[in-house]
């Protein structure tokens, strides 16, 4: 009979549930908001994952409308945000993720994935979608 060692896990707060994979997992990630030394503070955003080519980092596309006062119309705009993705999330391209702002983790990474919804329908990478 093997006794499982206790794993240090923290509650991020802000109504974010700690995933079971973080509690029962065996991975070591110092940049994970649940098991590492990172606090989530500031903005909480939602977006579409367009790339998972980097190790433990995803690119999230955020679409928004910008108002042009002269023409009294909106134009479509987007921003790509790099976010650290903990191994407790099985994120794939096309998934919708919630990201939370944290301290700078790398030159371009200032956000952390805190929640994940599996993809429903396959759409193009550059399709305009608002959440």
Foldseek 3Di string as FASTA:
>chain_A
DDDDDAAQWDDQDPPFDDDPCNRPPDDDDQDACTRHDKHFDDDKDKFFFADDPDDQKTKGKAKDWDADPVVRDTDIDIDIAIEGEDPSDPDDGGWMFIWTAIPDPDPRYGIYTRDTDGHDDDDDSPDHDHD
